[in-house]
Protein backbone atom coordinates (compact mmCIF):
# COMPACT_ATOMS: atom_id res chain seq x y z
CA UNK A 1 0.00 0.00 0.00
CA UNK A 2 1.35 3.43 -0.92
CA UNK A 3 0.28 6.89 -1.88
CA UNK A 4 -1.26 7.34 -5.29
CA UNK A 5 1.09 8.60 -7.96
CA UNK A 6 -0.02 10.86 -10.75
CA UNK A 7 -1.74 9.67 -13.88
CA UNK A 8 -3.13 11.52 -16.86
CA UNK A 9 -1.50 14.67 -15.50
CA UNK A 10 -3.58 14.66 -12.31
CA UNK A 11 -2.91 13.99 -8.64
CA UNK A 12 -5.14 11.55 -6.74
CA UNK A 13 -7.16 13.04 -3.89
CA UNK A 14 -9.98 12.10 -1.51
CA UNK A 15 -12.52 13.74 0.78
CA UNK A 16 -13.22 12.99 4.43
CA UNK A 17 -16.81 13.91 5.22
CA UNK A 18 -19.85 13.21 3.07
CA UNK A 19 -22.10 16.01 4.35
CA UNK A 20 -23.02 19.23 2.55
CA UNK A 21 -19.49 20.63 2.47
CA UNK A 22 -17.95 17.36 1.31
CA UNK A 23 -20.62 16.96 -1.38
CA UNK A 24 -20.15 20.51 -2.69
CA UNK A 25 -16.40 19.97 -2.68
CA UNK A 26 -16.90 16.77 -4.66
CA UNK A 27 -18.75 18.70 -7.38
CA UNK A 28 -15.90 21.20 -7.66
CA UNK A 29 -13.11 18.61 -7.63
CA UNK A 30 -14.74 16.62 -10.42
CA UNK A 31 -14.10 19.62 -12.71
CA UNK A 32 -10.43 19.95 -11.80
CA UNK A 33 -7.79 19.57 -14.48
CA UNK A 34 -5.02 18.63 -12.01
CA UNK A 35 -6.84 16.77 -9.20
CA UNK A 36 -8.50 13.40 -9.65
CA UNK A 37 -11.06 12.61 -6.97
CA UNK A 38 -10.70 8.90 -6.17
CA UNK A 39 -12.67 8.44 -2.94
CA UNK A 40 -14.96 10.04 -0.39
CA UNK A 41 -15.33 8.72 3.15
CA UNK A 42 -18.17 9.25 5.62
CA UNK A 43 -19.65 7.50 8.63
CA UNK A 44 -23.29 7.30 7.50
CA UNK A 45 -23.70 4.49 4.98
CA UNK A 46 -26.98 5.94 3.72
CA UNK A 47 -25.77 9.53 3.31
CA UNK A 48 -26.71 11.40 0.15
CA UNK A 49 -23.07 12.35 -0.35
CA UNK A 50 -21.88 8.76 -0.50
CA UNK A 51 -24.75 7.89 -2.82
CA UNK A 52 -23.73 10.69 -5.18
CA UNK A 53 -20.14 9.48 -5.10
CA UNK A 54 -21.14 5.94 -6.05
CA UNK A 55 -23.28 7.25 -8.90
CA UNK A 56 -20.26 9.18 -10.18
CA UNK A 57 -18.00 6.11 -10.04
CA UNK A 58 -16.04 7.36 -7.03
CA UNK A 59 -15.07 4.98 -4.24
CA UNK A 60 -17.39 5.55 -1.26
CA UNK A 61 -16.22 4.41 2.20
CA UNK A 62 -18.78 4.36 5.01
CA UNK A 63 -16.31 3.72 7.85
CA UNK A 64 -14.56 7.08 7.87
CA UNK A 65 -10.82 7.54 7.85
CA UNK A 66 -10.17 3.86 8.55
CA UNK A 67 -11.82 2.93 5.27
CA UNK A 68 -9.88 5.60 3.44
CA UNK A 69 -6.55 4.47 4.83
CA UNK A 70 -7.35 0.85 3.93
CA UNK A 71 -7.48 1.64 0.20
CA UNK A 72 -4.94 -0.22 -1.93
CA UNK A 73 -3.56 3.04 -3.26
CA UNK A 74 -3.74 6.03 -0.96
CA UNK A 75 -4.43 9.53 -2.29
CA UNK A 76 -1.68 12.13 -2.19
CA UNK A 77 -4.07 14.79 -0.85
CA UNK A 78 -7.06 14.49 1.51
CA UNK A 79 -9.59 17.25 2.11
CA UNK A 80 -11.03 17.02 5.63
CA UNK A 81 -14.61 18.32 5.67
CA UNK A 82 -15.66 16.76 8.99
CA UNK A 83 -15.37 18.70 12.27
CA UNK A 84 -12.67 20.35 14.35
CA UNK A 85 -12.79 17.53 16.90
CA UNK A 86 -12.56 14.85 14.22
CA UNK A 87 -9.69 16.51 12.40
CA UNK A 88 -7.58 16.57 15.54
CA UNK A 89 -7.80 12.77 15.43
CA UNK A 90 -7.35 12.54 11.66
CA UNK A 91 -4.28 14.78 11.44
CA UNK A 92 -1.71 12.37 12.85
CA UNK A 93 -3.10 9.43 10.87
CA UNK A 94 -2.91 11.33 7.59
CA UNK A 95 0.57 12.59 8.39
CA UNK A 96 1.71 9.08 9.29
CA UNK A 97 0.49 7.84 5.91
CA UNK A 98 2.40 10.56 4.07
CA UNK A 99 -0.78 12.30 2.93
CA UNK A 100 -1.11 16.08 2.64
CA UNK A 101 -4.15 17.24 4.64
CA UNK A 102 -6.21 20.26 3.62
CA UNK A 103 -8.39 21.01 6.64
CA UNK A 104 -11.73 22.77 6.10
CA UNK A 105 -12.53 22.71 9.84
CA UNK A 106 -11.45 25.32 12.43
CA UNK A 107 -9.25 22.75 14.20
CA UNK A 108 -6.17 24.97 13.68
CA UNK A 109 -3.81 21.97 13.74
CA UNK A 110 -1.88 22.86 10.60
CA UNK A 111 -0.53 26.02 9.00
CA UNK A 112 -3.14 28.74 8.43
CA UNK A 113 -3.72 29.32 4.71
CA UNK A 114 -5.82 31.89 2.89
CA UNK A 115 -5.07 31.55 -0.84
CA UNK A 116 -5.09 35.26 -1.66
CA UNK A 117 -2.75 36.02 1.26
CA UNK A 118 -0.10 33.34 1.81
CA UNK A 119 -0.63 30.23 -0.31
CA UNK A 120 2.77 30.39 -2.03
CA UNK A 121 4.50 30.36 1.36
CA UNK A 122 2.71 27.22 2.56
CA UNK A 123 2.73 24.88 -0.44
CA UNK A 124 5.27 22.57 1.21
CA UNK A 125 3.26 22.07 4.41
CA UNK A 126 1.83 18.65 5.28
CA UNK A 127 -1.27 20.04 6.99
CA UNK A 128 -2.94 23.22 5.80
CA UNK A 129 -5.77 24.79 7.78
CA UNK A 130 -8.27 27.00 5.94
CA UNK A 131 -9.10 28.88 9.15
CA UNK A 132 -12.89 29.47 8.84
CA UNK A 133 -15.41 30.79 6.33
CA UNK A 134 -15.29 34.15 8.10
CA UNK A 135 -11.52 34.05 8.01
CA UNK A 136 -11.42 33.31 4.29
CA UNK A 137 -13.73 36.26 3.65
CA UNK A 138 -12.19 38.84 5.98
CA UNK A 139 -8.51 38.08 6.62
CA UNK A 140 -7.57 39.18 3.08
CA UNK A 141 -9.19 42.58 3.64
CA UNK A 142 -7.23 43.10 6.86
CA UNK A 143 -4.05 41.98 5.08
CA UNK A 144 -4.78 44.40 2.25
CA UNK A 145 -4.97 47.32 4.67
CA UNK A 146 -1.96 46.09 6.65
CA UNK A 147 0.32 46.05 3.60
CA UNK A 148 -0.03 49.82 3.24
CA UNK A 149 -0.93 50.90 6.81
CA UNK A 150 -0.09 48.74 9.88
CA UNK A 151 -3.31 47.47 11.46
CA UNK A 152 -3.75 48.02 15.19
CA UNK A 153 -7.12 46.30 15.60
CA UNK A 154 -9.46 44.28 13.40
CA UNK A 155 -12.95 43.14 14.33
CA UNK A 156 -15.17 41.15 12.00
CA UNK A 157 -18.84 40.27 12.16
CA UNK A 158 -19.74 37.33 9.91
CA UNK A 159 -23.46 37.01 9.24
CA UNK A 160 -24.65 33.81 7.60
CA UNK A 161 -28.04 32.32 6.87
CA UNK A 162 -29.22 30.09 9.67
CA UNK A 163 -30.30 27.63 6.98
CA UNK A 164 -26.69 27.26 5.82
CA UNK A 165 -25.36 26.51 9.32
CA UNK A 166 -25.51 22.77 9.70
CA UNK A 167 -24.71 20.71 12.81
CA UNK A 168 -20.96 20.91 12.18
CA UNK A 169 -20.98 24.70 11.93
CA UNK A 170 -23.07 25.02 15.09
CA UNK A 171 -20.85 22.65 17.04
CA UNK A 172 -17.77 24.63 15.99
CA UNK A 173 -18.95 28.12 17.02
CA UNK A 174 -16.33 28.52 19.75
CA UNK A 175 -13.57 27.28 17.45
CA UNK A 176 -14.84 29.63 14.75
CA UNK A 177 -14.45 32.77 16.86
CA UNK A 178 -11.10 31.74 18.33
CA UNK A 179 -9.53 30.53 15.10
CA UNK A 180 -10.78 33.50 13.07
CA UNK A 181 -9.44 35.99 15.63
CA UNK A 182 -6.02 34.30 15.56
CA UNK A 183 -6.10 34.35 11.77
CA UNK A 184 -6.77 38.09 11.73
CA UNK A 185 -3.58 38.49 13.73
CA UNK A 186 -1.32 35.84 12.18
CA UNK A 187 -2.23 36.32 8.54
CA UNK A 188 -4.05 39.64 8.49
CA UNK A 189 -1.29 41.33 10.46
CA UNK A 190 -3.57 42.94 13.07
CA UNK A 191 -2.02 43.49 16.48
CA UNK A 192 -5.36 42.41 17.97
CA UNK A 193 -8.26 40.63 16.36
CA UNK A 194 -11.81 39.76 17.33
CA UNK A 195 -14.46 37.69 15.52
CA UNK A 196 -18.23 37.44 15.93
CA UNK A 197 -20.62 35.17 14.06
CA UNK A 198 -24.33 35.81 13.62
CA UNK A 199 -26.84 33.22 12.38
CA UNK A 200 -29.60 35.12 10.58
CA UNK A 201 -32.97 33.30 10.44
CA UNK A 202 -34.38 35.46 7.62
CA UNK A 203 -36.59 33.72 5.06
CA UNK A 204 -35.68 33.71 2.24
CA UNK A 205 -32.13 33.17 3.48
CA UNK A 206 -29.55 35.92 2.98
CA UNK A 207 -26.16 35.45 1.36
CA UNK A 208 -23.09 35.59 3.59
CA UNK A 209 -22.30 39.15 4.67
CA UNK A 210 -19.20 40.26 6.56
CA UNK A 211 -18.42 43.60 8.12
CA UNK A 212 -14.78 44.34 8.89
CA UNK A 213 -13.83 47.15 11.26
CA UNK A 214 -10.15 48.12 11.05
CA UNK A 215 -8.06 50.64 12.99
CA UNK A 216 -4.74 51.45 11.32
CA UNK A 217 -1.70 53.61 11.94
CA UNK A 218 -1.77 56.94 10.09
CA UNK A 219 0.52 57.41 7.13
CA UNK A 220 -1.13 55.92 4.05
CA UNK A 221 -3.84 57.84 2.24
CA UNK A 222 -7.41 56.62 2.09
CA UNK A 223 -6.97 56.26 -1.67
CA UNK A 224 -3.97 53.95 -1.21
CA UNK A 225 -5.88 51.79 1.26
CA UNK A 226 -8.92 51.60 -1.01
CA UNK A 227 -6.75 50.60 -3.98
CA UNK A 228 -5.09 47.85 -1.93
CA UNK A 229 -8.48 46.51 -0.82
CA UNK A 230 -9.78 46.44 -4.39
CA UNK A 231 -6.69 44.59 -5.62
CA UNK A 232 -7.28 41.98 -2.94
CA UNK A 233 -10.96 41.63 -3.87
CA UNK A 234 -9.91 40.97 -7.47
CA UNK A 235 -7.45 38.27 -6.31
CA UNK A 236 -10.18 36.52 -4.30
CA UNK A 237 -12.65 36.69 -7.18
CA UNK A 238 -10.26 34.59 -9.27
CA UNK A 239 -11.30 31.55 -7.22
CA UNK A 240 -14.50 32.80 -5.52
CA UNK A 241 -16.44 34.61 -8.27
CA UNK A 242 -19.32 35.46 -5.92
CA UNK A 243 -17.10 37.52 -3.58
CA UNK A 244 -17.70 41.28 -3.80
CA UNK A 245 -17.68 44.58 -1.95
CA UNK A 246 -21.14 45.74 -0.87
CA UNK A 247 -20.08 49.39 -0.72
CA UNK A 248 -16.95 51.48 -1.10
CA UNK A 249 -14.75 51.37 2.03
CA UNK A 250 -16.02 53.85 4.65
CA UNK A 251 -13.33 55.93 6.39
CA UNK A 252 -13.35 57.80 9.68
CA UNK A 253 -9.84 59.23 10.12
CA UNK A 254 -7.64 56.21 10.98
CA UNK A 255 -10.47 53.70 10.88
CA UNK A 256 -12.11 51.98 7.93
CA UNK A 257 -15.21 49.81 7.65
CA UNK A 258 -15.39 47.34 4.80
CA UNK A 259 -18.51 45.36 3.94
CA UNK A 260 -18.38 42.31 1.71
CA UNK A 261 -20.77 39.58 0.68
CA UNK A 262 -20.24 36.10 -0.70
CA UNK A 263 -22.68 34.37 -3.01
CA UNK A 264 -22.16 30.69 -3.62
CA UNK A 265 -21.56 29.14 -7.05
CA UNK A 266 -24.56 26.82 -6.69
CA UNK A 267 -22.57 23.65 -7.46
CA UNK A 268 -24.44 21.60 -4.85
CA UNK A 269 -25.28 24.04 -2.09
CA UNK A 270 -27.79 26.86 -2.61
CA UNK A 271 -26.33 30.19 -3.68
CA UNK A 272 -27.04 31.78 -0.29
CA UNK A 273 -24.54 29.36 1.29
CA UNK A 274 -21.58 31.56 0.42
CA UNK A 275 -20.08 30.75 3.82
CA UNK A 276 -19.68 27.12 2.78
CA UNK A 277 -18.87 27.82 -0.85
CA UNK A 278 -15.92 30.07 0.00
CA UNK A 279 -14.42 27.19 1.99
CA UNK A 280 -14.77 24.62 -0.76
CA UNK A 281 -13.55 27.08 -3.40
CA UNK A 282 -10.50 27.95 -1.28
CA UNK A 283 -9.84 24.25 -0.66
CA UNK A 284 -9.82 23.51 -4.37
CA UNK A 285 -7.49 26.45 -5.02
CA UNK A 286 -5.05 25.17 -2.38
CA UNK A 287 -5.28 21.57 -3.57
CA UNK A 288 -4.70 22.48 -7.19
CA UNK A 289 -1.61 24.53 -6.41
CA UNK A 290 -0.18 21.66 -4.34
CA UNK A 291 -0.99 19.26 -7.19
CA UNK A 292 0.82 21.47 -9.70
CA UNK A 293 3.83 21.54 -7.40
CA UNK A 294 3.82 17.74 -7.12
CA UNK A 295 3.39 17.31 -10.87
CA UNK A 296 6.26 19.71 -11.57
CA UNK A 297 8.51 17.81 -9.13
CA UNK A 298 7.76 14.54 -10.94
CA UNK A 299 8.01 15.94 -14.45
CA UNK A 300 10.59 14.23 -16.69
CA UNK A 301 13.74 16.11 -17.56
CA UNK A 302 13.04 17.78 -20.91
CA UNK A 303 16.74 17.34 -21.78
CA UNK A 304 16.48 13.58 -21.38
CA UNK A 305 17.45 11.38 -18.45
CA UNK A 306 21.18 11.28 -17.96
CA UNK A 307 21.91 13.60 -20.86
CA UNK A 308 24.92 15.78 -20.26
CA UNK A 309 24.92 19.48 -20.94
């Protein structure tokens, strides 16, 4: 038994978790030009996610990580779409098997990664943590301000539709606030960070909306800060097309308020579930860049093996 090599120019991967996030991720991965989804593992044999996988010709394991690790050929990359508690148990097993883990839970075991901010710096990591949906949506804005004006304090309020907050999201509320706040500091560059999540019961459900309050050191002009924010929004839209500013940044001397919203792509989840879609979109972006790195490392020498210069 060993990790899956690459075939047809693609790297083998698998998903842990057959719920809504895992199923949406499956839909995205099946379109990838560099990742080949080989298996999805859950713990509910009758889950809709596993049924969809079987229909698509993908191996479906109903005994969780143990089933995944029992495969004859292991994937090179595993996306963990379970829960923070579960990933803390999965991390060491995946590492021991030589598998790169991309963690969509707020477990904060591995290196924090937000594609638009620090992906290039973390491509060699064995465990990459995608922080939280709120982190993916707001950390880049804080980082955009911080690169032109040092950020003293960043506070974010992530508002998501109650209908898009499943059991996993609700169980991870504490981890969400803690992990997002740390991400605002570690990746966003804020000296202090705070995160709040609001579950909005409106019907029809609203798309994800985030408000970011930032205090920065004076020095940069409001125009420079706005330009930096808009460049960051463009970078995010390259992998999350439904990400956008709701208004122009609002300034009050050395403070700025930025409001964004995230509409989902509608692959499997409804479009109002931007909070989940931004996670799966970010996961695919990270996985594809890792796959390209692995493919480049295994590429044959164009000069010919053993050919002298």
